[in-house]
Amino acid sequence: MFIHEVHMQPEPASRRYNRRAPAQTLQALHIPDALLKIQTVTGVTGLSESTIRRKVSEGKFPSPIKDGTRCTRWRAGDVTTWLRAKVAP
């Protein structure tokens, strides 16, 4: 029996570095302390990223939690409270 060498090709850089994190489910909205990604917030509010950021700077939308320089999340409880206030008469 011969043992053959297996030559593994490295994964292309485009696949190594452009992986997307799995999408958040809307079930996260039911957990008040869950931290929501901007994509989830835009999806549930119907607002664009730029509109959300503008409303945050104007004090008309909940402020995000920043964890480092590239990680911005919103508390699900803050977003749902904002949504309820928009719907309430």
PDB file of N, CA and C in Angstrom:
ATOM      1  N   MET A   1       0.821  -1.182   0.000  1.00  0.00           N
ATOM      2  CA  MET A   1       0.000   0.000   0.000  1.00  0.00           C
ATOM      3  C   MET A   1       0.869   1.250   0.000  1.00  0.00           C
ATOM      4  N   PHE A   2       0.528   2.163  -0.852  1.00  0.00           N
ATOM      5  CA  PHE A   2       1.286   3.405  -0.927  1.00  0.00           C
ATOM      6  C   PHE A   2       0.488   4.544  -0.311  1.00  0.00           C
ATOM      7  N   ILE A   3       1.216   5.393   0.341  1.00  0.00           N
ATOM      8  CA  ILE A   3       0.587   6.590   0.892  1.00  0.00           C
ATOM      9  C   ILE A   3       0.870   7.726  -0.074  1.00  0.00           C
ATOM     10  N   HIS A   4      -0.176   8.304  -0.592  1.00  0.00           N
ATOM     11  CA  HIS A   4      -0.035   9.406  -1.534  1.00  0.00           C
ATOM     12  C   HIS A   4      -0.099  10.722  -0.787  1.00  0.00           C
ATOM     13  N   GLU A   5       0.748  11.608  -1.207  1.00  0.00           N
ATOM     14  CA  GLU A   5       0.701  12.937  -0.602  1.00  0.00           C
ATOM     15  C   GLU A   5      -0.510  13.681  -1.137  1.00  0.00           C
ATOM     16  N   VAL A   6      -1.145  14.368  -0.263  1.00  0.00           N
ATOM     17  CA  VAL A   6      -2.289  15.175  -0.669  1.00  0.00           C
ATOM     18  C   VAL A   6      -1.839  16.619  -0.677  1.00  0.00           C
ATOM     19  N   HIS A   7      -1.919  17.207  -1.824  1.00  0.00           N
ATOM     20  CA  HIS A   7      -1.551  18.615  -1.946  1.00  0.00           C
ATOM     21  C   HIS A   7      -2.825  19.433  -1.907  1.00  0.00           C
ATOM     22  N   MET A   8      -2.974  20.172  -0.856  1.00  0.00           N
ATOM     23  CA  MET A   8      -4.170  20.999  -0.726  1.00  0.00           C
ATOM     24  C   MET A   8      -3.857  22.400  -1.214  1.00  0.00           C
ATOM     25  N   GLN A   9      -4.693  22.870  -2.060  1.00  0.00           N
ATOM     26  CA  GLN A   9      -4.546  24.233  -2.545  1.00  0.00           C
ATOM     27  C   GLN A   9      -5.135  25.179  -1.500  1.00  0.00           C
ATOM     28  N   PRO A  10      -4.460  26.290  -1.244  1.00  0.00           N
ATOM     29  CA  PRO A  10      -5.037  27.248  -0.301  1.00  0.00           C
ATOM     30  C   PRO A  10      -6.321  27.831  -0.872  1.00  0.00           C
ATOM     31  N   GLU A  11      -7.213  28.152   0.020  1.00  0.00           N
ATOM     32  CA  GLU A  11      -8.480  28.753  -0.393  1.00  0.00           C
ATOM     33  C   GLU A  11      -8.210  30.140  -0.961  1.00  0.00           C
ATOM     34  N   PRO A  12      -8.823  30.503  -2.079  1.00  0.00           N
ATOM     35  CA  PRO A  12      -8.596  31.839  -2.641  1.00  0.00           C
ATOM     36  C   PRO A  12      -8.945  32.928  -1.634  1.00  0.00           C
ATOM     37  N   ALA A  13      -8.170  33.998  -1.676  1.00  0.00           N
ATOM     38  CA  ALA A  13      -8.378  35.097  -0.729  1.00  0.00           C
ATOM     39  C   ALA A  13      -9.784  35.655  -0.824  1.00  0.00           C
ATOM     40  N   SER A  14     -10.357  35.667  -2.018  1.00  0.00           N
ATOM     41  CA  SER A  14     -11.698  36.230  -2.170  1.00  0.00           C
ATOM     42  C   SER A  14     -12.720  35.465  -1.343  1.00  0.00           C
ATOM     43  N   ARG A  15     -12.541  34.174  -1.160  1.00  0.00           N
ATOM     44  CA  ARG A  15     -13.471  33.400  -0.339  1.00  0.00           C
ATOM     45  C   ARG A  15     -13.111  33.460   1.139  1.00  0.00           C
ATOM     46  N   ARG A  16     -11.844  33.635   1.439  1.00  0.00           N
ATOM     47  CA  ARG A  16     -11.427  33.690   2.842  1.00  0.00           C
ATOM     48  C   ARG A  16     -11.891  34.960   3.521  1.00  0.00           C
ATOM     49  N   TYR A  17     -11.808  36.085   2.843  1.00  0.00           N
ATOM     50  CA  TYR A  17     -12.020  37.364   3.497  1.00  0.00           C
ATOM     51  C   TYR A  17     -13.375  37.999   3.217  1.00  0.00           C
ATOM     52  N   ASN A  18     -14.133  37.465   2.281  1.00  0.00           N
ATOM     53  CA  ASN A  18     -15.416  38.062   1.961  1.00  0.00           C
ATOM     54  C   ASN A  18     -16.587  37.241   2.481  1.00  0.00           C
ATOM     55  N   ARG A  19     -16.357  36.476   3.496  1.00  0.00           N
ATOM     56  CA  ARG A  19     -17.443  35.690   4.069  1.00  0.00           C
ATOM     57  C   ARG A  19     -18.376  36.601   4.843  1.00  0.00           C
ATOM     58  N   ARG A  20     -19.644  36.377   4.661  1.00  0.00           N
ATOM     59  CA  ARG A  20     -20.627  37.163   5.391  1.00  0.00           C
ATOM     60  C   ARG A  20     -21.097  36.370   6.598  1.00  0.00           C
ATOM     61  N   ALA A  21     -21.354  37.094   7.660  1.00  0.00           N
ATOM     62  CA  ALA A  21     -21.909  36.448   8.842  1.00  0.00           C
ATOM     63  C   ALA A  21     -23.346  36.048   8.526  1.00  0.00           C
ATOM     64  N   PRO A  22     -23.833  34.998   9.152  1.00  0.00           N
ATOM     65  CA  PRO A  22     -25.211  34.604   8.895  1.00  0.00           C
ATOM     66  C   PRO A  22     -26.178  35.727   9.276  1.00  0.00           C
ATOM     67  N   ALA A  23     -27.252  35.825   8.532  1.00  0.00           N
ATOM     68  CA  ALA A  23     -28.246  36.865   8.804  1.00  0.00           C
ATOM     69  C   ALA A  23     -28.918  36.615  10.152  1.00  0.00           C
ATOM     70  N   GLN A  24     -29.276  37.701  10.818  1.00  0.00           N
ATOM     71  CA  GLN A  24     -30.000  37.574  12.073  1.00  0.00           C
ATOM     72  C   GLN A  24     -31.459  37.276  11.769  1.00  0.00           C
ATOM     73  N   THR A  25     -32.067  36.503  12.622  1.00  0.00           N
ATOM     74  CA  THR A  25     -33.490  36.244  12.455  1.00  0.00           C
ATOM     75  C   THR A  25     -34.278  37.317  13.191  1.00  0.00           C
ATOM     76  N   LEU A  26     -35.509  37.478  12.801  1.00  0.00           N
ATOM     77  CA  LEU A  26     -36.364  38.461  13.464  1.00  0.00           C
ATOM     78  C   LEU A  26     -36.734  38.027  14.874  1.00  0.00           C
ATOM     79  N   GLN A  27     -36.453  36.785  15.229  1.00  0.00           N
ATOM     80  CA  GLN A  27     -36.701  36.323  16.592  1.00  0.00           C
ATOM     81  C   GLN A  27     -35.865  37.103  17.592  1.00  0.00           C
ATOM     82  N   ALA A  28     -34.764  37.676  17.138  1.00  0.00           N
ATOM     83  CA  ALA A  28     -33.909  38.469  18.023  1.00  0.00           C
ATOM     84  C   ALA A  28     -34.655  39.680  18.565  1.00  0.00           C
ATOM     85  N   LEU A  29     -35.680  40.150  17.855  1.00  0.00           N
ATOM     86  CA  LEU A  29     -36.458  41.298  18.332  1.00  0.00           C
ATOM     87  C   LEU A  29     -37.196  40.997  19.629  1.00  0.00           C
ATOM     88  N   HIS A  30     -37.461  39.729  19.881  1.00  0.00           N
ATOM     89  CA  HIS A  30     -38.194  39.343  21.086  1.00  0.00           C
ATOM     90  C   HIS A  30     -37.297  39.230  22.311  1.00  0.00           C
ATOM     91  N   ILE A  31     -36.019  39.432  22.138  1.00  0.00           N
ATOM     92  CA  ILE A  31     -35.063  39.395  23.247  1.00  0.00           C
ATOM     93  C   ILE A  31     -34.574  40.826  23.450  1.00  0.00           C
ATOM     94  N   PRO A  32     -35.061  41.519  24.494  1.00  0.00           N
ATOM     95  CA  PRO A  32     -34.762  42.946  24.656  1.00  0.00           C
ATOM     96  C   PRO A  32     -33.280  43.298  24.645  1.00  0.00           C
ATOM     97  N   ASP A  33     -32.436  42.431  25.174  1.00  0.00           N
ATOM     98  CA  ASP A  33     -31.009  42.744  25.241  1.00  0.00           C
ATOM     99  C   ASP A  33     -30.223  42.228  24.040  1.00  0.00           C
ATOM    100  N   ALA A  34     -30.916  41.645  23.066  1.00  0.00           N
ATOM    101  CA  ALA A  34     -30.221  41.181  21.859  1.00  0.00           C
ATOM    102  C   ALA A  34     -29.648  42.381  21.126  1.00  0.00           C
ATOM    103  N   LEU A  35     -28.490  42.202  20.544  1.00  0.00           N
ATOM    104  CA  LEU A  35     -27.840  43.279  19.799  1.00  0.00           C
ATOM    105  C   LEU A  35     -28.054  43.050  18.310  1.00  0.00           C
ATOM    106  N   LEU A  36     -28.691  44.020  17.671  1.00  0.00           N
ATOM    107  CA  LEU A  36     -29.075  43.893  16.270  1.00  0.00           C
ATOM    108  C   LEU A  36     -28.072  44.563  15.344  1.00  0.00           C
ATOM    109  N   LYS A  37     -27.802  43.914  14.233  1.00  0.00           N
ATOM    110  CA  LYS A  37     -26.948  44.481  13.194  1.00  0.00           C
ATOM    111  C   LYS A  37     -27.739  45.531  12.425  1.00  0.00           C
ATOM    112  N   ILE A  38     -27.028  46.398  11.729  1.00  0.00           N
ATOM    113  CA  ILE A  38     -27.675  47.455  10.953  1.00  0.00           C
ATOM    114  C   ILE A  38     -28.607  46.861   9.897  1.00  0.00           C
ATOM    115  N   GLN A  39     -28.238  45.728   9.299  1.00  0.00           N
ATOM    116  CA  GLN A  39     -29.087  45.112   8.283  1.00  0.00           C
ATOM    117  C   GLN A  39     -30.425  44.685   8.872  1.00  0.00           C
ATOM    118  N   THR A  40     -30.412  44.197  10.095  1.00  0.00           N
ATOM    119  CA  THR A  40     -31.653  43.800  10.756  1.00  0.00           C
ATOM    120  C   THR A  40     -32.491  45.025  11.081  1.00  0.00           C
ATOM    121  N   VAL A  41     -31.837  46.079  11.566  1.00  0.00           N
ATOM    122  CA  VAL A  41     -32.551  47.306  11.923  1.00  0.00           C
ATOM    123  C   VAL A  41     -33.187  47.931  10.682  1.00  0.00           C
ATOM    124  N   THR A  42     -32.461  47.970   9.574  1.00  0.00           N
ATOM    125  CA  THR A  42     -33.048  48.530   8.351  1.00  0.00           C
ATOM    126  C   THR A  42     -34.211  47.674   7.870  1.00  0.00           C
ATOM    127  N   GLY A  43     -34.095  46.375   8.037  1.00  0.00           N
ATOM    128  CA  GLY A  43     -35.160  45.474   7.603  1.00  0.00           C
ATOM    129  C   GLY A  43     -36.450  45.645   8.382  1.00  0.00           C
ATOM    130  N   VAL A  44     -36.351  45.802   9.694  1.00  0.00           N
ATOM    131  CA  VAL A  44     -37.568  45.906  10.506  1.00  0.00           C
ATOM    132  C   VAL A  44     -38.157  47.309  10.516  1.00  0.00           C
ATOM    133  N   THR A  45     -37.333  48.328  10.292  1.00  0.00           N
ATOM    134  CA  THR A  45     -37.845  49.698  10.322  1.00  0.00           C
ATOM    135  C   THR A  45     -38.252  50.200   8.945  1.00  0.00           C
ATOM    136  N   GLY A  46     -37.681  49.621   7.899  1.00  0.00           N
ATOM    137  CA  GLY A  46     -37.944  50.106   6.554  1.00  0.00           C
ATOM    138  C   GLY A  46     -37.146  51.352   6.211  1.00  0.00           C
ATOM    139  N   LEU A  47     -36.205  51.718   7.071  1.00  0.00           N
ATOM    140  CA  LEU A  47     -35.364  52.897   6.851  1.00  0.00           C
ATOM    141  C   LEU A  47     -34.019  52.467   6.276  1.00  0.00           C
ATOM    142  N   SER A  48     -33.391  53.360   5.536  1.00  0.00           N
ATOM    143  CA  SER A  48     -32.059  53.074   5.004  1.00  0.00           C
ATOM    144  C   SER A  48     -31.013  53.303   6.097  1.00  0.00           C
ATOM    145  N   GLU A  49     -29.807  52.800   5.856  1.00  0.00           N
ATOM    146  CA  GLU A  49     -28.715  53.005   6.819  1.00  0.00           C
ATOM    147  C   GLU A  49     -28.455  54.480   7.042  1.00  0.00           C
ATOM    148  N   SER A  50     -28.432  55.256   5.966  1.00  0.00           N
ATOM    149  CA  SER A  50     -28.136  56.686   6.114  1.00  0.00           C
ATOM    150  C   SER A  50     -29.243  57.408   6.879  1.00  0.00           C
ATOM    151  N   THR A  51     -30.496  57.017   6.673  1.00  0.00           N
ATOM    152  CA  THR A  51     -31.601  57.638   7.415  1.00  0.00           C
ATOM    153  C   THR A  51     -31.507  57.295   8.892  1.00  0.00           C
ATOM    154  N   ILE A  52     -31.178  56.057   9.200  1.00  0.00           N
ATOM    155  CA  ILE A  52     -31.036  55.662  10.604  1.00  0.00           C
ATOM    156  C   ILE A  52     -29.918  56.461  11.253  1.00  0.00           C
ATOM    157  N   ARG A  53     -28.784  56.555  10.589  1.00  0.00           N
ATOM    158  CA  ARG A  53     -27.654  57.293  11.170  1.00  0.00           C
ATOM    159  C   ARG A  53     -27.991  58.779  11.334  1.00  0.00           C
ATOM    160  N   ARG A  54     -28.725  59.344  10.380  1.00  0.00           N
ATOM    161  CA  ARG A  54     -29.130  60.748  10.502  1.00  0.00           C
ATOM    162  C   ARG A  54     -30.085  60.923  11.683  1.00  0.00           C
ATOM    163  N   LYS A  55     -31.060  60.019  11.817  1.00  0.00           N
ATOM    164  CA  LYS A  55     -32.012  60.111  12.924  1.00  0.00           C
ATOM    165  C   LYS A  55     -31.311  59.932  14.274  1.00  0.00           C
ATOM    166  N   VAL A  56     -30.300  59.079  14.330  1.00  0.00           N
ATOM    167  CA  VAL A  56     -29.521  58.924  15.570  1.00  0.00           C
ATOM    168  C   VAL A  56     -28.851  60.244  15.914  1.00  0.00           C
ATOM    169  N   SER A  57     -28.238  60.886  14.931  1.00  0.00           N
ATOM    170  CA  SER A  57     -27.539  62.154  15.199  1.00  0.00           C
ATOM    171  C   SER A  57     -28.511  63.269  15.574  1.00  0.00           C
ATOM    172  N   GLU A  58     -29.758  63.183  15.101  1.00  0.00           N
ATOM    173  CA  GLU A  58     -30.783  64.169  15.452  1.00  0.00           C
ATOM    174  C   GLU A  58     -31.482  63.836  16.767  1.00  0.00           C
ATOM    175  N   GLY A  59     -31.185  62.671  17.338  1.00  0.00           N
ATOM    176  CA  GLY A  59     -31.833  62.250  18.576  1.00  0.00           C
ATOM    177  C   GLY A  59     -33.225  61.684  18.356  1.00  0.00           C
ATOM    178  N   LYS A  60     -33.533  61.268  17.126  1.00  0.00           N
ATOM    179  CA  LYS A  60     -34.861  60.756  16.791  1.00  0.00           C
ATOM    180  C   LYS A  60     -34.900  59.239  16.634  1.00  0.00           C
ATOM    181  N   PHE A  61     -33.801  58.584  16.935  1.00  0.00           N
ATOM    182  CA  PHE A  61     -33.711  57.128  16.860  1.00  0.00           C
ATOM    183  C   PHE A  61     -32.752  56.684  17.955  1.00  0.00           C
ATOM    184  N   PRO A  62     -32.968  55.496  18.528  1.00  0.00           N
ATOM    185  CA  PRO A  62     -32.085  55.033  19.608  1.00  0.00           C
ATOM    186  C   PRO A  62     -30.616  55.008  19.192  1.00  0.00           C
ATOM    187  N   SER A  63     -29.762  55.367  20.116  1.00  0.00           N
ATOM    188  CA  SER A  63     -28.321  55.343  19.863  1.00  0.00           C
ATOM    189  C   SER A  63     -27.816  53.905  19.862  1.00  0.00           C
ATOM    190  N   PRO A  64     -26.866  53.621  18.989  1.00  0.00           N
ATOM    191  CA  PRO A  64     -26.308  52.272  18.957  1.00  0.00           C
ATOM    192  C   PRO A  64     -25.277  52.072  20.060  1.00  0.00           C
ATOM    193  N   ILE A  65     -24.925  50.825  20.240  1.00  0.00           N
ATOM    194  CA  ILE A  65     -23.845  50.450  21.151  1.00  0.00           C
ATOM    195  C   ILE A  65     -22.635  50.184  20.266  1.00  0.00           C
ATOM    196  N   LYS A  66     -21.540  50.831  20.545  1.00  0.00           N
ATOM    197  CA  LYS A  66     -20.319  50.643  19.752  1.00  0.00           C
ATOM    198  C   LYS A  66     -19.372  49.733  20.523  1.00  0.00           C
ATOM    199  N   ASP A  67     -18.906  48.696  19.849  1.00  0.00           N
ATOM    200  CA  ASP A  67     -17.942  47.777  20.432  1.00  0.00           C
ATOM    201  C   ASP A  67     -16.721  47.791  19.524  1.00  0.00           C
ATOM    202  N   GLY A  68     -15.823  48.698  19.806  1.00  0.00           N
ATOM    203  CA  GLY A  68     -14.667  48.857  18.937  1.00  0.00           C
ATOM    204  C   GLY A  68     -14.966  49.868  17.846  1.00  0.00           C
ATOM    205  N   THR A  69     -14.133  49.881  16.836  1.00  0.00           N
ATOM    206  CA  THR A  69     -14.286  50.879  15.781  1.00  0.00           C
ATOM    207  C   THR A  69     -15.194  50.421  14.648  1.00  0.00           C
ATOM    208  N   ARG A  70     -15.383  49.107  14.496  1.00  0.00           N
ATOM    209  CA  ARG A  70     -16.145  48.614  13.347  1.00  0.00           C
ATOM    210  C   ARG A  70     -17.395  47.838  13.719  1.00  0.00           C
ATOM    211  N   CYS A  71     -17.756  47.815  14.978  1.00  0.00           N
ATOM    212  CA  CYS A  71     -18.906  47.023  15.409  1.00  0.00           C
ATOM    213  C   CYS A  71     -19.954  47.937  16.035  1.00  0.00           C
ATOM    214  N   THR A  72     -21.075  48.094  15.354  1.00  0.00           N
ATOM    215  CA  THR A  72     -22.164  48.926  15.839  1.00  0.00           C
ATOM    216  C   THR A  72     -23.416  48.070  15.900  1.00  0.00           C
ATOM    217  N   ARG A  73     -24.067  48.063  17.044  1.00  0.00           N
ATOM    218  CA  ARG A  73     -25.279  47.266  17.234  1.00  0.00           C
ATOM    219  C   ARG A  73     -26.319  48.093  17.976  1.00  0.00           C
ATOM    220  N   TRP A  74     -27.587  47.740  17.776  1.00  0.00           N
ATOM    221  CA  TRP A  74     -28.688  48.382  18.488  1.00  0.00           C
ATOM    222  C   TRP A  74     -29.353  47.360  19.384  1.00  0.00           C
ATOM    223  N   ARG A  75     -29.733  47.784  20.598  1.00  0.00           N
ATOM    224  CA  ARG A  75     -30.484  46.907  21.494  1.00  0.00           C
ATOM    225  C   ARG A  75     -31.862  46.678  20.894  1.00  0.00           C
ATOM    226  N   ALA A  76     -32.288  45.428  20.838  1.00  0.00           N
ATOM    227  CA  ALA A  76     -33.592  45.087  20.267  1.00  0.00           C
ATOM    228  C   ALA A  76     -34.715  45.784  21.023  1.00  0.00           C
ATOM    229  N   GLY A  77     -34.591  45.880  22.345  1.00  0.00           N
ATOM    230  CA  GLY A  77     -35.619  46.548  23.143  1.00  0.00           C
ATOM    231  C   GLY A  77     -35.778  48.009  22.772  1.00  0.00           C
ATOM    232  N   ASP A  78     -34.665  48.686  22.485  1.00  0.00           N
ATOM    233  CA  ASP A  78     -34.723  50.096  22.082  1.00  0.00           C
ATOM    234  C   ASP A  78     -35.413  50.252  20.730  1.00  0.00           C
ATOM    235  N   VAL A  79     -35.111  49.352  19.810  1.00  0.00           N
ATOM    236  CA  VAL A  79     -35.705  49.431  18.471  1.00  0.00           C
ATOM    237  C   VAL A  79     -37.201  49.128  18.534  1.00  0.00           C
ATOM    238  N   THR A  80     -37.601  48.107  19.286  1.00  0.00           N
ATOM    239  CA  THR A  80     -39.027  47.783  19.372  1.00  0.00           C
ATOM    240  C   THR A  80     -39.802  48.883  20.086  1.00  0.00           C
ATOM    241  N   THR A  81     -39.199  49.510  21.096  1.00  0.00           N
ATOM    242  CA  THR A  81     -39.851  50.642  21.765  1.00  0.00           C
ATOM    243  C   THR A  81     -40.045  51.785  20.778  1.00  0.00           C
ATOM    244  N   TRP A  82     -39.041  52.068  19.961  1.00  0.00           N
ATOM    245  CA  TRP A  82     -39.144  53.118  18.945  1.00  0.00           C
ATOM    246  C   TRP A  82     -40.245  52.786  17.943  1.00  0.00           C
ATOM    247  N   LEU A  83     -40.300  51.512  17.506  1.00  0.00           N
ATOM    248  CA  LEU A  83     -41.329  51.097  16.555  1.00  0.00           C
ATOM    249  C   LEU A  83     -42.728  51.255  17.146  1.00  0.00           C
ATOM    250  N   ARG A  84     -42.901  50.861  18.398  1.00  0.00           N
ATOM    251  CA  ARG A  84     -44.215  50.992  19.050  1.00  0.00           C
ATOM    252  C   ARG A  84     -44.629  52.449  19.162  1.00  0.00           C
ATOM    253  N   ALA A  85     -43.676  53.319  19.456  1.00  0.00           N
ATOM    254  CA  ALA A  85     -43.981  54.748  19.572  1.00  0.00           C
ATOM    255  C   ALA A  85     -44.394  55.324  18.216  1.00  0.00           C
ATOM    256  N   LYS A  86     -43.818  54.814  17.128  1.00  0.00           N
ATOM    257  CA  LYS A  86     -44.174  55.296  15.795  1.00  0.00           C
ATOM    258  C   LYS A  86     -45.581  54.847  15.395  1.00  0.00           C
ATOM    259  N   VAL A  87     -46.010  53.687  15.893  1.00  0.00           N
ATOM    260  CA  VAL A  87     -47.313  53.129  15.536  1.00  0.00           C
ATOM    261  C   VAL A  87     -48.415  53.670  16.441  1.00  0.00           C
ATOM    262  N   ALA A  88     -48.069  53.972  17.690  1.00  0.00           N
ATOM    263  CA  ALA A  88     -49.070  54.426  18.667  1.00  0.00           C
ATOM    264  C   ALA A  88     -49.707  55.740  18.214  1.00  0.00           C
ATOM    265  N   PRO A  89     -51.027  55.876  18.447  1.00  0.00           N
ATOM    266  CA  PRO A  89     -51.710  57.112  18.047  1.00  0.00           C
ATOM    267  C   PRO A  89     -51.307  58.306  18.874  1.00  0.00           C
TER     268      PRO A  89
END
